Protein backbone atom coordinates (compact mmCIF):
# COMPACT_ATOMS: atom_id res chain seq x y z
CA MET A 1 4.95 6.46 -19.18
CA ASP A 2 6.28 8.53 -22.11
CA SER A 3 2.81 9.17 -23.53
CA ARG A 4 1.56 10.26 -20.11
CA LEU A 5 4.49 12.65 -19.71
CA ASP A 6 3.88 14.04 -23.20
CA ALA A 7 0.20 14.67 -22.39
CA THR A 8 1.10 16.32 -19.07
CA ARG A 9 3.73 18.52 -20.71
CA ALA A 10 1.37 19.59 -23.49
CA SER A 11 -1.45 20.37 -21.04
CA TYR A 12 0.69 22.61 -18.87
CA ASP A 13 2.26 24.33 -21.87
CA THR A 14 -1.31 25.19 -22.91
CA VAL A 15 -2.49 26.61 -19.57
CA ALA A 16 0.79 28.11 -18.29
CA ASP A 17 -0.16 31.81 -18.35
CA ASP A 18 -3.70 31.40 -17.02
CA TYR A 19 -2.58 28.89 -14.38
CA ALA A 20 0.06 31.31 -13.11
CA GLU A 21 -2.41 34.18 -12.83
CA LEU A 22 -5.10 32.08 -11.16
CA LEU A 23 -2.79 30.71 -8.43
CA ARG A 24 -0.53 33.75 -8.04
CA THR A 25 -1.69 34.63 -4.49
CA GLU A 26 -3.07 31.24 -3.45
CA LEU A 27 -0.71 30.70 -0.50
CA ALA A 28 -1.92 33.89 1.19
CA ASP A 29 -5.18 32.14 2.15
CA LYS A 30 -3.64 28.82 3.25
CA PRO A 31 -2.02 29.03 6.70
CA PHE A 32 -1.54 25.28 7.08
CA ASP A 33 0.25 25.06 3.74
CA ARG A 34 2.53 27.94 4.73
CA ALA A 35 3.18 26.27 8.08
CA MET A 36 4.43 23.09 6.42
CA LEU A 37 6.61 25.07 4.01
CA GLY A 38 7.99 26.98 6.99
CA ALA A 39 8.75 23.77 8.90
CA PHE A 40 10.46 22.35 5.80
CA ALA A 41 12.60 25.49 5.46
CA GLU A 42 13.60 25.38 9.13
CA LYS A 43 14.61 21.72 8.88
CA VAL A 44 16.76 22.40 5.81
CA LYS A 45 18.47 25.35 7.49
CA ASP A 46 18.96 23.42 10.75
CA GLY A 47 20.80 20.78 8.69
CA GLY A 48 23.29 23.36 7.39
CA GLY A 49 21.38 24.52 4.32
CA GLY A 50 22.29 23.95 0.70
CA PRO A 51 20.51 23.75 -2.66
CA VAL A 52 16.76 23.07 -2.62
CA ALA A 53 14.94 21.96 -5.78
CA ASP A 54 11.26 22.69 -6.31
CA LEU A 55 10.42 19.64 -8.42
CA GLY A 56 7.49 20.36 -10.70
CA CYS A 57 7.73 24.06 -9.89
CA GLY A 58 5.15 25.30 -12.39
CA PRO A 59 5.21 29.11 -12.64
CA GLY A 60 7.64 29.36 -9.70
CA ARG A 61 5.36 30.86 -7.05
CA VAL A 62 6.35 28.33 -4.37
CA THR A 63 10.00 28.46 -5.45
CA ALA A 64 9.89 32.19 -4.79
CA TYR A 65 8.19 31.59 -1.44
CA LEU A 66 11.02 29.25 -0.40
CA ASP A 67 13.54 31.87 -1.52
CA GLY A 68 11.76 34.36 0.73
CA LEU A 69 12.17 31.93 3.63
CA GLY A 70 15.93 32.04 3.14
CA LEU A 71 16.48 28.86 1.14
CA ASP A 72 18.78 28.50 -1.87
CA ALA A 73 15.85 27.41 -4.03
CA TYR A 74 15.53 26.77 -7.75
CA GLY A 75 12.84 25.16 -9.89
CA ILE A 76 12.55 22.24 -12.31
CA ASP A 77 9.46 21.59 -14.42
CA LEU A 78 8.47 19.24 -17.23
CA SER A 79 6.70 22.04 -19.13
CA PRO A 80 8.84 24.53 -21.11
CA GLY A 81 5.81 26.84 -21.08
CA MET A 82 5.70 26.84 -17.29
CA VAL A 83 9.45 27.41 -17.06
CA ALA A 84 9.17 30.40 -19.40
CA VAL A 85 6.45 31.91 -17.19
CA ALA A 86 8.54 31.26 -14.06
CA ARG A 87 11.60 32.94 -15.57
CA ARG A 88 9.56 36.01 -16.54
CA GLY A 89 7.91 36.26 -13.16
CA HIS A 90 11.01 35.58 -11.06
CA PRO A 91 14.08 36.59 -13.10
CA GLU A 92 16.27 36.51 -10.01
CA LEU A 93 15.78 32.75 -9.60
CA ARG A 94 16.93 29.76 -11.65
CA PHE A 95 14.45 27.51 -13.48
CA GLU A 96 15.19 24.48 -15.65
CA VAL A 97 13.21 22.10 -17.85
CA GLY A 98 13.43 18.51 -16.63
CA SER A 99 11.54 15.39 -15.61
CA MET A 100 11.22 14.01 -12.09
CA THR A 101 11.60 10.50 -13.53
CA ALA A 102 15.23 11.24 -14.50
CA LEU A 103 16.53 14.35 -12.79
CA ASP A 104 19.67 15.98 -14.14
CA VAL A 105 20.94 16.35 -10.58
CA ALA A 106 24.01 14.67 -9.10
CA ASP A 107 23.64 12.01 -6.40
CA GLY A 108 23.31 13.57 -2.94
CA ALA A 109 23.41 17.14 -4.28
CA LEU A 110 20.31 18.57 -2.57
CA ALA A 111 19.71 19.68 1.01
CA GLY A 112 16.01 19.70 0.27
CA ALA A 113 13.44 18.74 -2.35
CA LEU A 114 9.87 19.98 -2.68
CA ALA A 115 7.18 18.06 -4.57
CA TRP A 116 4.26 20.48 -4.23
CA TYR A 117 1.38 18.59 -5.87
CA SER A 118 3.77 17.62 -8.67
CA THR A 119 3.21 13.87 -8.18
CA VAL A 120 -0.57 14.10 -8.73
CA HIS A 121 -0.29 13.15 -12.41
CA THR A 122 1.63 9.96 -11.63
CA PRO A 123 -0.24 6.69 -10.93
CA MET A 124 0.37 5.13 -7.54
CA GLU A 125 2.23 2.18 -9.05
CA GLU A 126 4.78 4.51 -10.65
CA LEU A 127 5.49 6.62 -7.55
CA PRO A 128 8.44 4.38 -6.53
CA VAL A 129 10.32 5.64 -9.60
CA LEU A 130 9.92 9.25 -8.46
CA PHE A 131 10.64 8.47 -4.82
CA GLY A 132 13.78 6.59 -5.83
CA GLU A 133 14.94 9.70 -7.70
CA PHE A 134 14.13 11.92 -4.70
CA HIS A 135 16.21 9.65 -2.49
CA ARG A 136 19.07 9.65 -4.99
CA VAL A 137 19.38 13.43 -5.27
CA LEU A 138 18.98 14.18 -1.55
CA ALA A 139 22.10 14.35 0.58
CA PRO A 140 22.14 12.21 3.73
CA GLY A 141 20.13 14.23 6.23
CA GLY A 142 18.29 16.06 3.43
CA HIS A 143 14.54 16.72 3.63
CA LEU A 144 11.61 16.22 1.29
CA LEU A 145 8.21 17.90 1.53
CA LEU A 146 5.43 16.39 -0.56
CA ALA A 147 1.92 17.74 -1.00
CA CYS A 148 -0.92 15.70 -2.51
CA LYS A 149 -4.69 15.40 -2.79
CA VAL A 150 -6.25 12.86 -0.42
CA GLY A 151 -8.28 9.98 -1.81
CA ASP A 152 -7.81 6.77 -3.75
CA GLU A 153 -9.01 7.46 -7.27
CA ARG A 154 -8.12 8.97 -10.63
CA VAL A 155 -9.93 12.01 -12.06
CA HIS A 156 -9.59 12.88 -15.74
CA LEU A 157 -9.62 16.56 -16.70
CA ASN A 158 -10.87 17.48 -20.16
CA HIS A 159 -11.14 21.19 -19.39
CA ALA A 160 -9.48 23.39 -16.77
CA TYR A 161 -8.01 26.88 -16.39
CA GLY A 162 -10.05 27.97 -19.39
CA HIS A 163 -8.56 25.41 -21.81
CA ASP A 164 -9.21 21.94 -23.19
CA LEU A 165 -6.82 19.42 -21.61
CA ASP A 166 -5.93 15.73 -21.47
CA LEU A 167 -4.79 15.28 -17.89
CA ASP A 168 -5.20 12.61 -15.19
CA VAL A 169 -5.16 13.71 -11.56
CA HIS A 170 -4.51 11.03 -8.92
CA ARG A 171 -5.54 11.22 -5.27
CA PHE A 172 -3.54 9.22 -2.74
CA PRO A 173 -4.07 7.88 0.80
CA PRO A 174 -1.40 9.67 2.88
CA GLU A 175 -0.44 6.44 4.67
CA ARG A 176 0.32 4.79 1.32
CA VAL A 177 2.48 7.74 0.29
CA ALA A 178 4.37 7.56 3.59
CA GLY A 179 4.83 3.81 3.16
CA LEU A 180 6.25 4.17 -0.36
CA LEU A 181 8.58 6.91 0.83
CA ARG A 182 9.74 4.62 3.63
CA ALA A 183 10.35 1.82 1.12
CA ALA A 184 12.52 4.23 -0.87
CA GLY A 185 14.61 5.02 2.22
CA LEU A 186 12.93 8.32 3.16
CA VAL A 187 11.73 8.35 6.76
CA GLU A 188 8.56 10.30 7.56
CA ILE A 189 9.02 12.85 10.35
CA ALA A 190 5.74 14.78 10.11
CA ARG A 191 2.37 14.62 8.39
CA LEU A 192 -0.48 17.11 8.16
CA VAL A 193 -3.91 16.43 6.65
CA ARG A 194 -6.33 19.35 6.39
CA GLU A 195 -9.89 19.63 5.18
CA ALA A 196 -10.64 21.00 1.73
CA ASP A 197 -11.17 24.74 1.47
CA ALA A 198 -13.93 26.40 -0.57
CA ARG A 199 -12.08 25.91 -3.88
CA GLU A 200 -11.00 22.30 -3.31
CA ASN A 201 -12.84 19.01 -3.71
CA THR A 202 -10.82 16.80 -1.35
CA PRO A 203 -8.71 17.05 1.83
CA GLN A 204 -5.05 17.89 1.28
CA ALA A 205 -2.03 16.05 2.74
CA PHE A 206 1.54 17.14 3.41
CA VAL A 207 4.29 14.64 4.24
CA LEU A 208 7.69 15.76 5.51
CA ALA A 209 10.38 13.08 5.19
CA ARG A 210 14.11 12.83 5.59
CA ARG A 211 16.89 10.79 4.08
CA PRO A 212 18.61 9.38 7.19
CA PRO A 213 22.08 10.82 7.83
CA GLY A 214 25.22 8.74 7.79
CA TRP A 215 23.92 5.99 5.48
CA ARG A 216 25.49 5.68 2.07
CA LYS A 217 23.62 4.22 -0.85
CA ALA A 218 25.10 1.11 -2.40
CA ALA A 219 24.31 0.45 -6.06
CA GLY A 220 20.61 -0.14 -6.39
CA ALA A 221 20.10 -0.21 -2.63
CA PRO A 222 18.85 2.83 -0.73
CA PRO A 223 18.86 2.39 3.05
CA MET A 224 15.70 0.99 4.59
CA SER A 225 13.81 2.71 7.35
CA THR A 226 15.22 3.14 10.84
CA ARG A 227 12.68 0.66 12.17
CA ALA A 228 13.57 -2.04 9.66
CA THR A 229 17.29 -1.57 10.18
CA ARG A 230 16.97 -1.90 13.92
CA HIS A 231 15.10 -5.19 13.78
CA LEU A 232 16.29 -6.84 10.59
CA VAL A 233 19.01 -8.89 12.23
CA TYR A 234 16.44 -10.73 14.33
CA ALA A 235 13.55 -10.88 11.86
CA PRO A 236 12.65 -13.85 9.65
CA ARG A 237 13.17 -13.33 5.93
CA TYR A 238 11.64 -15.01 2.94
CA ALA A 239 12.32 -14.98 -0.79
CA ALA A 240 9.04 -15.51 -2.60
CA ALA A 241 8.53 -16.79 -6.12
CA GLN A 242 6.72 -14.32 -8.36
CA ASP A 243 3.46 -16.26 -8.29
CA GLU A 244 3.34 -16.69 -4.48
CA ASP A 245 0.77 -14.96 -2.28
CA VAL A 246 2.62 -14.07 0.94
CA ASP A 247 1.44 -12.33 4.11
CA TRP A 248 4.20 -9.72 4.20
CA GLY A 249 2.91 -8.42 7.52
CA LEU A 250 5.05 -11.14 9.12
CA PHE A 251 8.28 -9.68 7.73
CA ASP A 252 10.29 -6.49 7.95
CA LEU A 253 11.03 -6.55 4.24
CA VAL A 254 9.49 -7.96 1.11
CA GLY A 255 11.77 -10.49 -0.58
CA VAL A 256 11.29 -11.84 -4.10
CA ASP A 257 13.16 -13.96 -6.61
CA TYR A 258 12.57 -11.87 -9.72
CA TYR A 259 12.97 -13.30 -13.22
CA GLY A 260 10.41 -11.16 -15.04
CA PHE A 261 10.92 -10.01 -18.61
CA PHE A 262 9.29 -7.08 -20.39
CA ARG A 263 10.25 -5.18 -23.50
CA HIS A 264 9.56 -1.77 -21.99
CA ARG A 265 10.89 -0.26 -18.78
CA ASP A 266 7.54 1.04 -17.56
CA ALA A 267 6.13 -2.50 -17.66
CA TYR A 268 8.77 -3.58 -15.12
CA VAL A 269 7.75 -0.67 -12.88
CA ARG A 270 4.10 -1.69 -13.01
CA ASP A 271 4.97 -5.34 -12.33
CA LEU A 272 7.23 -4.55 -9.37
CA ALA A 273 4.67 -2.16 -7.87
CA ARG A 274 2.82 -5.18 -6.44
CA TYR A 275 5.73 -5.57 -4.02
CA THR A 276 6.29 -1.89 -3.15
CA ARG A 277 2.61 -1.38 -2.22
CA PHE A 278 3.17 -2.90 1.23
CA GLY A 279 5.17 0.12 2.38
CA LYS A 280 8.20 -1.99 3.31
CA PRO A 281 11.72 -2.22 1.86
CA VAL A 282 11.80 -4.54 -1.15
CA ALA A 283 14.79 -6.86 -1.58
CA VAL A 284 15.28 -8.75 -4.84
CA MET A 285 16.89 -11.90 -3.47
CA GLU A 286 17.66 -13.28 -6.95
CA PHE A 287 17.59 -11.92 -10.46
CA GLY A 288 19.32 -13.05 -13.62
CA CYS A 289 19.12 -15.01 -16.83
CA CYS A 290 21.09 -17.63 -18.72
CA THR A 291 23.71 -17.03 -21.38
CA PHE A 292 21.98 -17.38 -24.73
CA ALA A 293 19.88 -15.32 -27.12
CA GLY A 294 16.29 -15.34 -25.86
CA ALA A 295 17.25 -16.33 -22.30
CA PRO A 296 15.63 -13.25 -20.66
CA GLU A 297 12.25 -14.28 -22.08
CA ARG A 298 12.60 -17.74 -20.47
CA GLY A 299 13.30 -16.22 -17.03
CA GLY A 300 13.68 -18.83 -14.31
CA MET A 301 13.30 -21.68 -16.80
CA GLY A 302 16.33 -20.78 -18.88
CA TRP A 303 18.19 -23.83 -17.62
CA ASP A 304 15.68 -26.06 -19.45
CA VAL A 305 17.63 -25.88 -22.72
CA VAL A 306 19.80 -28.83 -21.67
CA ASP A 307 18.85 -32.34 -22.81
CA TYR A 308 19.76 -34.41 -19.76
CA ALA A 309 18.52 -37.59 -21.45
CA LYS A 310 21.72 -37.54 -23.52
CA GLU A 311 25.02 -38.80 -22.16
CA PRO A 312 26.81 -36.50 -21.75
CA PRO A 313 24.07 -33.83 -21.45
CA GLU A 314 23.95 -31.42 -24.37
CA ILE A 315 22.45 -28.08 -25.33
CA LYS A 316 19.27 -28.45 -27.38
CA ALA A 317 19.28 -27.54 -31.06
CA GLY A 318 18.73 -23.90 -32.02
CA ILE A 319 20.21 -22.36 -28.86
CA VAL A 320 22.86 -19.71 -29.59
CA ARG A 321 25.23 -18.63 -26.82
CA SER A 322 25.15 -14.89 -26.11
CA GLU A 323 26.95 -13.28 -23.20
CA ARG A 324 25.74 -9.93 -24.50
CA ALA A 325 22.07 -10.89 -24.06
CA GLN A 326 22.71 -11.86 -20.45
CA ALA A 327 24.66 -8.67 -19.70
CA ALA A 328 22.02 -6.43 -21.26
CA TYR A 329 19.19 -8.01 -19.26
CA LEU A 330 21.04 -7.80 -15.94
CA THR A 331 21.98 -4.14 -16.34
CA ASP A 332 18.54 -3.20 -17.63
CA VAL A 333 16.63 -4.69 -14.71
CA LEU A 334 19.18 -3.46 -12.15
CA SER A 335 18.67 0.09 -13.42
CA VAL A 336 14.91 -0.38 -12.94
CA PHE A 337 15.43 -1.64 -9.38
CA GLU A 338 17.66 1.34 -8.69
CA SER A 339 15.25 3.89 -10.15
CA MET A 340 12.45 2.49 -7.97
CA GLY A 341 14.53 2.77 -4.80
CA LEU A 342 14.43 -0.94 -4.00
CA TYR A 343 16.40 -1.88 -0.90
CA SER A 344 18.76 -4.40 -2.50
CA ALA A 345 19.20 -6.69 -5.50
CA MET A 346 21.39 -9.78 -5.71
CA ALA A 347 22.40 -11.26 -9.04
CA TYR A 348 22.12 -15.01 -9.37
CA THR A 349 24.74 -16.46 -9.49
CA PHE A 350 28.52 -15.97 -9.27
CA VAL A 351 29.78 -19.25 -10.74
CA THR A 352 28.37 -22.70 -11.61
CA PRO A 353 31.29 -25.17 -11.57
CA ASP A 354 29.17 -28.13 -12.72
CA ALA A 355 28.18 -26.25 -15.91
CA PRO A 356 31.56 -25.89 -17.65
CA HIS A 357 32.18 -23.60 -20.59
CA ARG A 358 33.53 -25.48 -23.60
CA PRO A 359 34.16 -22.85 -26.28
CA ARG A 360 35.29 -25.42 -28.83
CA ASP A 361 32.28 -27.68 -28.24
CA PRO A 362 29.07 -25.57 -28.27
CA ARG A 363 26.80 -28.61 -28.09
CA HIS A 364 28.28 -29.52 -24.69
CA ASP A 365 28.87 -25.94 -23.50
CA LEU A 366 26.70 -26.24 -20.40
CA ASP A 367 27.61 -22.73 -19.27
CA THR A 368 25.21 -21.54 -21.98
CA ALA A 369 22.41 -22.74 -19.67
CA SER A 370 24.05 -21.17 -16.60
CA TYR A 371 22.97 -18.00 -14.79
CA SER A 372 26.50 -17.36 -13.56
CA LEU A 373 28.56 -14.19 -13.99
CA VAL A 374 31.77 -16.22 -14.21
CA LYS A 375 32.30 -19.18 -16.54
CA ALA A 376 34.19 -22.28 -15.45
CA VAL A 377 36.52 -22.99 -18.37
CA GLU A 378 37.81 -26.49 -19.05
CA ASP A 379 41.28 -26.50 -20.55
CA ARG A 380 42.92 -29.66 -19.22
CA ARG A 381 45.97 -31.10 -20.91
CA PRO A 382 46.31 -34.86 -21.48
CA GLY A 383 47.64 -36.55 -18.37
CA ALA A 384 46.94 -33.58 -16.06
CA PRO A 385 45.39 -34.26 -12.62
CA GLU A 386 41.61 -34.27 -12.51
CA ALA A 387 41.45 -30.99 -10.58
CA ALA A 388 43.94 -29.19 -12.81
CA GLY A 389 43.19 -27.17 -15.90
CA TRP A 390 40.04 -25.41 -14.69
CA HIS A 391 39.80 -21.70 -14.16
CA GLY A 392 37.16 -18.99 -13.94
CA GLU A 393 36.75 -16.20 -16.47
CA PRO A 394 34.39 -13.24 -16.02
CA LYS A 395 31.59 -13.06 -18.56
CA GLU A 396 30.36 -9.85 -20.17
CA SER A 397 27.69 -9.68 -17.47
CA PHE A 398 30.37 -9.57 -14.75
CA HIS A 399 32.04 -6.56 -16.35
CA ALA A 400 28.71 -4.85 -17.12
CA LEU A 401 27.52 -5.12 -13.51
CA ALA A 402 30.93 -4.03 -12.24
CA ARG A 403 30.71 -0.86 -14.32
CA GLN A 404 27.20 -0.17 -13.06
CA TYR A 405 28.18 -0.63 -9.41
CA ALA A 406 31.39 1.39 -9.89
CA ARG A 407 29.36 4.48 -10.72
CA HIS A 408 28.30 4.61 -7.06
CA CYS A 409 31.80 4.17 -5.65
CA ARG A 410 33.42 7.21 -7.17
């Protein structure tokens, strides 16, 4: 993802001045586009108003249009060159450099967000990251307007706006966009698809969505759609293994036991995209790893480091206990789930009493092969009752997850 962002940034830095001049009066000839911007502005004002961010604002022409409609609008763009042009052209408005993948905007701070063709350089499988960010920064009841090119393919631009470029442009089916927004907790309230005009190659789509009011986001879990919430209590649920092929049309949400491991964050996003593509809330029913160095790489088979042929069972040679490795994996993947706007994620598991932690006997420290957040510690004294002398102690993973969840409770 970083290389793609770098190429996008460099391309728009290169074309900033010519792009701004070419598109300066574009909205004047597009009544349907203006109508959707007007509807978006009315919805934001009907909700009480507040800050509106034009995400991927370019030279600021649409930011200024929203300002003219009475919105408290400002712009954010990946390209410093574009931001410089926007500041020169609209000195009365605020423009900042930033990325939609990690917005420097507080949770729930925006009454509205505009993504006016700014997602077209993002592959479909990475849209959940952006939509999760949009959900995060919108206040309950806040609105999002997204514009995109209609299709289902990627077009590479080597030359545009009078300059050599290295830029991918993605076209999206509007129903897929609406489904991914719904999976991120943003409910579609209107959609417009118009034919291409004389200067365009494809139809254009506009999706107006809303973050439902009155629902608060728990850590890593944006609210699901109104439809799913209304029926979930009565609907069957299923937690699929990662290699299962499931007909998710039978369910209101997609459930998966996820024990994947990748060294780079964007690889997780691509892997999880196979679940978000159904346009339904995605619930991670289990995720976790055992408590030793290298456990994340073993995923759901981490427990297989115990030699049960021995009496008593013992940890196999070469396994080194590491609570830090477990904690790092859990927080890393939870942050990915959160950034993608997944509906929920449940760490496996709280405690495993039949895998006791024996700090003075590493060979028989069965908690090393446990996925639990709490270790069952054996500290019996001679002559004590069988049930006495056991207690639970939080592992590093317990504290790490607690800190991550606490950020959403302040």
